[in-house]
């Protein structure tokens, strides 16, 4: 797990403890996990095309 992921989990935990996240509202971590699951369903070509669309030529790098 990266430092950014650990920081996101910490923020999620603090927000939940403070009552800032409504029940049923996805946390930053849940959103990231959902996006990764969706990406896993894509072929390498589809991922590359999406990255190229979003980030230009820099999106070609893995």
PDB file of N, CA and C in Angstrom:
ATOM      1  N   UNK A   1       0.850  -1.163   0.000  1.00  0.00           N
ATOM      2  CA  UNK A   1       0.000   0.000   0.000  1.00  0.00           C
ATOM      3  C   UNK A   1       0.903   1.235   0.000  1.00  0.00           C
ATOM      4  N   UNK A   2       0.559   2.196  -0.837  1.00  0.00           N
ATOM      5  CA  UNK A   2       1.383   3.394  -0.947  1.00  0.00           C
ATOM      6  C   UNK A   2       1.078   4.371   0.189  1.00  0.00           C
ATOM      7  N   UNK A   3       1.942   5.358   0.331  1.00  0.00           N
ATOM      8  CA  UNK A   3       1.721   6.387   1.351  1.00  0.00           C
ATOM      9  C   UNK A   3       0.418   7.135   1.091  1.00  0.00           C
ATOM     10  N   UNK A   4       0.108   7.381  -0.190  1.00  0.00           N
ATOM     11  CA  UNK A   4      -1.130   8.089  -0.536  1.00  0.00           C
ATOM     12  C   UNK A   4      -2.355   7.267  -0.135  1.00  0.00           C
ATOM     13  N   UNK A   5      -2.285   5.956  -0.329  1.00  0.00           N
ATOM     14  CA  UNK A   5      -3.403   5.090   0.056  1.00  0.00           C
ATOM     15  C   UNK A   5      -3.566   5.058   1.579  1.00  0.00           C
ATOM     16  N   UNK A   6      -2.458   4.996   2.289  1.00  0.00           N
ATOM     17  CA  UNK A   6      -2.528   5.020   3.751  1.00  0.00           C
ATOM     18  C   UNK A   6      -3.114   6.341   4.244  1.00  0.00           C
ATOM     19  N   UNK A   7      -2.707   7.433   3.618  1.00  0.00           N
ATOM     20  CA  UNK A   7      -3.230   8.748   3.986  1.00  0.00           C
ATOM     21  C   UNK A   7      -4.730   8.834   3.697  1.00  0.00           C
ATOM     22  N   UNK A   8      -5.178   8.290   2.573  1.00  0.00           N
ATOM     23  CA  UNK A   8      -6.603   8.289   2.237  1.00  0.00           C
ATOM     24  C   UNK A   8      -7.394   7.484   3.255  1.00  0.00           C
ATOM     25  N   UNK A   9      -6.869   6.338   3.655  1.00  0.00           N
ATOM     26  CA  UNK A   9      -7.559   5.522   4.668  1.00  0.00           C
ATOM     27  C   UNK A   9      -7.635   6.260   6.003  1.00  0.00           C
ATOM     28  N   UNK A  10      -6.560   6.963   6.347  1.00  0.00           N
ATOM     29  CA  UNK A  10      -6.556   7.736   7.597  1.00  0.00           C
ATOM     30  C   UNK A  10      -7.622   8.830   7.542  1.00  0.00           C
ATOM     31  N   UNK A  11      -7.688   9.555   6.414  1.00  0.00           N
ATOM     32  CA  UNK A  11      -8.699  10.602   6.263  1.00  0.00           C
ATOM     33  C   UNK A  11     -10.111  10.019   6.323  1.00  0.00           C
ATOM     34  N   UNK A  12     -10.309   8.863   5.679  1.00  0.00           N
ATOM     35  CA  UNK A  12     -11.619   8.202   5.723  1.00  0.00           C
ATOM     36  C   UNK A  12     -12.004   7.883   7.168  1.00  0.00           C
ATOM     37  N   UNK A  13     -11.069   7.316   7.896  1.00  0.00           N
ATOM     38  CA  UNK A  13     -11.335   6.931   9.287  1.00  0.00           C
ATOM     39  C   UNK A  13     -11.671   8.164  10.130  1.00  0.00           C
ATOM     40  N   UNK A  14     -10.905   9.235   9.969  1.00  0.00           N
ATOM     41  CA  UNK A  14     -11.155  10.455  10.734  1.00  0.00           C
ATOM     42  C   UNK A  14     -12.509  11.054  10.384  1.00  0.00           C
ATOM     43  N   UNK A  15     -12.854  11.069   9.098  1.00  0.00           N
ATOM     44  CA  UNK A  15     -14.138  11.626   8.665  1.00  0.00           C
ATOM     45  C   UNK A  15     -15.301  10.796   9.197  1.00  0.00           C
ATOM     46  N   UNK A  16     -15.152   9.474   9.168  1.00  0.00           N
ATOM     47  CA  UNK A  16     -16.201   8.602   9.709  1.00  0.00           C
ATOM     48  C   UNK A  16     -16.356   8.816  11.210  1.00  0.00           C
ATOM     49  N   UNK A  17     -15.238   8.912  11.926  1.00  0.00           N
ATOM     50  CA  UNK A  17     -15.281   9.103  13.371  1.00  0.00           C
ATOM     51  C   UNK A  17     -15.917  10.446  13.735  1.00  0.00           C
ATOM     52  N   UNK A  18     -15.706  11.452  12.907  1.00  0.00           N
ATOM     53  CA  UNK A  18     -16.264  12.778  13.163  1.00  0.00           C
ATOM     54  C   UNK A  18     -17.707  12.903  12.671  1.00  0.00           C
ATOM     55  N   UNK A  19     -18.210  11.857  12.027  1.00  0.00           N
ATOM     56  CA  UNK A  19     -19.579  11.894  11.516  1.00  0.00           C
ATOM     57  C   UNK A  19     -19.735  12.725  10.262  1.00  0.00           C
ATOM     58  N   UNK A  20     -18.648  12.942   9.528  1.00  0.00           N
ATOM     59  CA  UNK A  20     -18.689  13.762   8.319  1.00  0.00           C
ATOM     60  C   UNK A  20     -19.103  12.991   7.079  1.00  0.00           C
ATOM     61  N   UNK A  21     -19.101  11.662   7.168  1.00  0.00           N
ATOM     62  CA  UNK A  21     -19.485  10.834   6.022  1.00  0.00           C
ATOM     63  C   UNK A  21     -20.845  10.222   6.330  1.00  0.00           C
ATOM     64  N   UNK A  22     -21.821  10.522   5.487  1.00  0.00           N
ATOM     65  CA  UNK A  22     -23.158   9.967   5.664  1.00  0.00           C
ATOM     66  C   UNK A  22     -23.140   8.472   5.391  1.00  0.00           C
ATOM     67  N   UNK A  23     -23.989   7.722   6.103  1.00  0.00           N
ATOM     68  CA  UNK A  23     -24.079   6.284   5.820  1.00  0.00           C
ATOM     69  C   UNK A  23     -24.438   6.056   4.350  1.00  0.00           C
ATOM     70  N   UNK A  24     -23.749   5.148   3.737  1.00  0.00           N
ATOM     71  CA  UNK A  24     -23.991   4.849   2.330  1.00  0.00           C
ATOM     72  C   UNK A  24     -23.171   5.694   1.370  1.00  0.00           C
ATOM     73  N   UNK A  25     -22.562   6.760   1.874  1.00  0.00           N
ATOM     74  CA  UNK A  25     -21.720   7.599   1.020  1.00  0.00           C
ATOM     75  C   UNK A  25     -20.358   6.931   0.889  1.00  0.00           C
ATOM     76  N   UNK A  26     -19.863   6.758  -0.340  1.00  0.00           N
ATOM     77  CA  UNK A  26     -18.570   6.090  -0.494  1.00  0.00           C
ATOM     78  C   UNK A  26     -17.419   6.945   0.034  1.00  0.00           C
ATOM     79  N   UNK A  27     -16.494   6.290   0.665  1.00  0.00           N
ATOM     80  CA  UNK A  27     -15.293   6.977   1.139  1.00  0.00           C
ATOM     81  C   UNK A  27     -14.295   7.057  -0.016  1.00  0.00           C
ATOM     82  N   UNK A  28     -13.250   7.822   0.184  1.00  0.00           N
ATOM     83  CA  UNK A  28     -12.201   7.938  -0.827  1.00  0.00           C
ATOM     84  C   UNK A  28     -11.598   6.564  -1.137  1.00  0.00           C
ATOM     85  N   UNK A  29     -11.381   5.778  -0.093  1.00  0.00           N
ATOM     86  CA  UNK A  29     -10.803   4.445  -0.260  1.00  0.00           C
ATOM     87  C   UNK A  29     -11.759   3.527  -1.020  1.00  0.00           C
ATOM     88  N   UNK A  30     -13.042   3.572  -0.680  1.00  0.00           N
ATOM     89  CA  UNK A  30     -14.031   2.737  -1.371  1.00  0.00           C
ATOM     90  C   UNK A  30     -14.116   3.118  -2.848  1.00  0.00           C
ATOM     91  N   UNK A  31     -14.036   4.421  -3.112  1.00  0.00           N
ATOM     92  CA  UNK A  31     -14.073   4.871  -4.505  1.00  0.00           C
ATOM     93  C   UNK A  31     -12.855   4.346  -5.268  1.00  0.00           C
ATOM     94  N   UNK A  32     -11.685   4.455  -4.671  1.00  0.00           N
ATOM     95  CA  UNK A  32     -10.462   3.978  -5.322  1.00  0.00           C
ATOM     96  C   UNK A  32     -10.547   2.471  -5.596  1.00  0.00           C
ATOM     97  N   UNK A  33     -11.054   1.707  -4.617  1.00  0.00           N
ATOM     98  CA  UNK A  33     -11.200   0.264  -4.797  1.00  0.00           C
ATOM     99  C   UNK A  33     -12.175  -0.053  -5.932  1.00  0.00           C
ATOM    100  N   UNK A  34     -13.255   0.725  -6.020  1.00  0.00           N
ATOM    101  CA  UNK A  34     -14.246   0.529  -7.085  1.00  0.00           C
ATOM    102  C   UNK A  34     -13.619   0.804  -8.459  1.00  0.00           C
ATOM    103  N   UNK A  35     -12.859   1.874  -8.555  1.00  0.00           N
ATOM    104  CA  UNK A  35     -12.212   2.220  -9.829  1.00  0.00           C
ATOM    105  C   UNK A  35     -11.223   1.127 -10.223  1.00  0.00           C
ATOM    106  N   UNK A  36     -10.459   0.620  -9.270  1.00  0.00           N
ATOM    107  CA  UNK A  36      -9.503  -0.453  -9.579  1.00  0.00           C
ATOM    108  C   UNK A  36     -10.222  -1.712 -10.056  1.00  0.00           C
ATOM    109  N   UNK A  37     -11.353  -2.026  -9.444  1.00  0.00           N
ATOM    110  CA  UNK A  37     -12.123  -3.201  -9.868  1.00  0.00           C
ATOM    111  C   UNK A  37     -12.634  -3.011 -11.295  1.00  0.00           C
ATOM    112  N   UNK A  38     -13.079  -1.806 -11.609  1.00  0.00           N
ATOM    113  CA  UNK A  38     -13.556  -1.532 -12.974  1.00  0.00           C
ATOM    114  C   UNK A  38     -12.390  -1.618 -13.969  1.00  0.00           C
ATOM    115  N   UNK A  39     -11.241  -1.079 -13.592  1.00  0.00           N
ATOM    116  CA  UNK A  39     -10.069  -1.133 -14.470  1.00  0.00           C
ATOM    117  C   UNK A  39      -9.648  -2.575 -14.733  1.00  0.00           C
ATOM    118  N   UNK A  40      -9.793  -3.424 -13.738  1.00  0.00           N
ATOM    119  CA  UNK A  40      -9.389  -4.829 -13.877  1.00  0.00           C
ATOM    120  C   UNK A  40     -10.205  -5.539 -14.957  1.00  0.00           C
ATOM    121  N   UNK A  41     -11.406  -5.044 -15.218  1.00  0.00           N
ATOM    122  CA  UNK A  41     -12.266  -5.657 -16.230  1.00  0.00           C
ATOM    123  C   UNK A  41     -11.900  -5.217 -17.648  1.00  0.00           C
ATOM    124  N   UNK A  42     -11.077  -4.188 -17.764  1.00  0.00           N
ATOM    125  CA  UNK A  42     -10.694  -3.675 -19.082  1.00  0.00           C
ATOM    126  C   UNK A  42      -9.494  -4.442 -19.635  1.00  0.00           C
ATOM    127  N   UNK A  43      -9.438  -4.515 -20.944  1.00  0.00           N
ATOM    128  CA  UNK A  43      -8.270  -5.112 -21.575  1.00  0.00           C
ATOM    129  C   UNK A  43      -7.124  -4.102 -21.521  1.00  0.00           C
ATOM    130  N   UNK A  44      -5.882  -4.549 -21.701  1.00  0.00           N
ATOM    131  CA  UNK A  44      -4.754  -3.612 -21.725  1.00  0.00           C
ATOM    132  C   UNK A  44      -4.933  -2.527 -22.788  1.00  0.00           C
ATOM    133  N   UNK A  45      -5.490  -2.898 -23.937  1.00  0.00           N
ATOM    134  CA  UNK A  45      -5.712  -1.912 -24.996  1.00  0.00           C
ATOM    135  C   UNK A  45      -6.726  -0.858 -24.558  1.00  0.00           C
ATOM    136  N   UNK A  46      -7.811  -1.302 -23.922  1.00  0.00           N
ATOM    137  CA  UNK A  46      -8.815  -0.351 -23.447  1.00  0.00           C
ATOM    138  C   UNK A  46      -8.232   0.600 -22.409  1.00  0.00           C
ATOM    139  N   UNK A  47      -7.433   0.077 -21.478  1.00  0.00           N
ATOM    140  CA  UNK A  47      -6.798   0.929 -20.472  1.00  0.00           C
ATOM    141  C   UNK A  47      -5.868   1.940 -21.123  1.00  0.00           C
ATOM    142  N   UNK A  48      -5.092   1.483 -22.089  1.00  0.00           N
ATOM    143  CA  UNK A  48      -4.162   2.371 -22.778  1.00  0.00           C
ATOM    144  C   UNK A  48      -4.911   3.476 -23.522  1.00  0.00           C
ATOM    145  N   UNK A  49      -6.006   3.131 -24.199  1.00  0.00           N
ATOM    146  CA  UNK A  49      -6.788   4.127 -24.932  1.00  0.00           C
ATOM    147  C   UNK A  49      -7.418   5.150 -23.987  1.00  0.00           C
ATOM    148  N   UNK A  50      -7.910   4.689 -22.851  1.00  0.00           N
ATOM    149  CA  UNK A  50      -8.498   5.609 -21.877  1.00  0.00           C
ATOM    150  C   UNK A  50      -7.431   6.544 -21.320  1.00  0.00           C
ATOM    151  N   UNK A  51      -6.279   5.995 -20.968  1.00  0.00           N
ATOM    152  CA  UNK A  51      -5.195   6.846 -20.449  1.00  0.00           C
ATOM    153  C   UNK A  51      -4.742   7.861 -21.491  1.00  0.00           C
ATOM    154  N   UNK A  52      -4.671   7.440 -22.727  1.00  0.00           N
ATOM    155  CA  UNK A  52      -4.264   8.351 -23.795  1.00  0.00           C
ATOM    156  C   UNK A  52      -5.288   9.475 -23.927  1.00  0.00           C
ATOM    157  N   UNK A  53      -6.575   9.127 -23.839  1.00  0.00           N
ATOM    158  CA  UNK A  53      -7.632  10.131 -23.933  1.00  0.00           C
ATOM    159  C   UNK A  53      -7.555  11.121 -22.771  1.00  0.00           C
ATOM    160  N   UNK A  54      -7.282  10.603 -21.575  1.00  0.00           N
ATOM    161  CA  UNK A  54      -7.241  11.456 -20.392  1.00  0.00           C
ATOM    162  C   UNK A  54      -5.946  12.242 -20.254  1.00  0.00           C
ATOM    163  N   UNK A  55      -4.831  11.601 -20.563  1.00  0.00           N
ATOM    164  CA  UNK A  55      -3.533  12.199 -20.268  1.00  0.00           C
ATOM    165  C   UNK A  55      -2.667  12.481 -21.483  1.00  0.00           C
ATOM    166  N   UNK A  56      -3.175  12.243 -22.687  1.00  0.00           N
ATOM    167  CA  UNK A  56      -2.385  12.464 -23.889  1.00  0.00           C
ATOM    168  C   UNK A  56      -1.315  11.393 -24.039  1.00  0.00           C
ATOM    169  N   UNK A  57      -0.241  11.720 -24.715  1.00  0.00           N
ATOM    170  CA  UNK A  57       0.819  10.748 -24.986  1.00  0.00           C
ATOM    171  C   UNK A  57       1.425  10.196 -23.700  1.00  0.00           C
ATOM    172  N   UNK A  58       1.422  10.980 -22.619  1.00  0.00           N
ATOM    173  CA  UNK A  58       1.985  10.517 -21.349  1.00  0.00           C
ATOM    174  C   UNK A  58       1.199   9.325 -20.801  1.00  0.00           C
ATOM    175  N   UNK A  59      -0.047   9.168 -21.224  1.00  0.00           N
ATOM    176  CA  UNK A  59      -0.863   8.061 -20.760  1.00  0.00           C
ATOM    177  C   UNK A  59      -0.450   6.727 -21.336  1.00  0.00           C
ATOM    178  N   UNK A  60       0.437   6.741 -22.331  1.00  0.00           N
ATOM    179  CA  UNK A  60       0.897   5.487 -22.925  1.00  0.00           C
ATOM    180  C   UNK A  60       1.819   4.713 -21.995  1.00  0.00           C
ATOM    181  N   UNK A  61       2.449   5.418 -21.067  1.00  0.00           N
ATOM    182  CA  UNK A  61       3.352   4.747 -20.137  1.00  0.00           C
ATOM    183  C   UNK A  61       2.532   3.996 -19.096  1.00  0.00           C
ATOM    184  N   UNK A  62       2.949   2.774 -18.742  1.00  0.00           N
ATOM    185  CA  UNK A  62       2.190   2.016 -17.727  1.00  0.00           C
ATOM    186  C   UNK A  62       2.293   2.630 -16.355  1.00  0.00           C
TER     187      UNK A  62
END
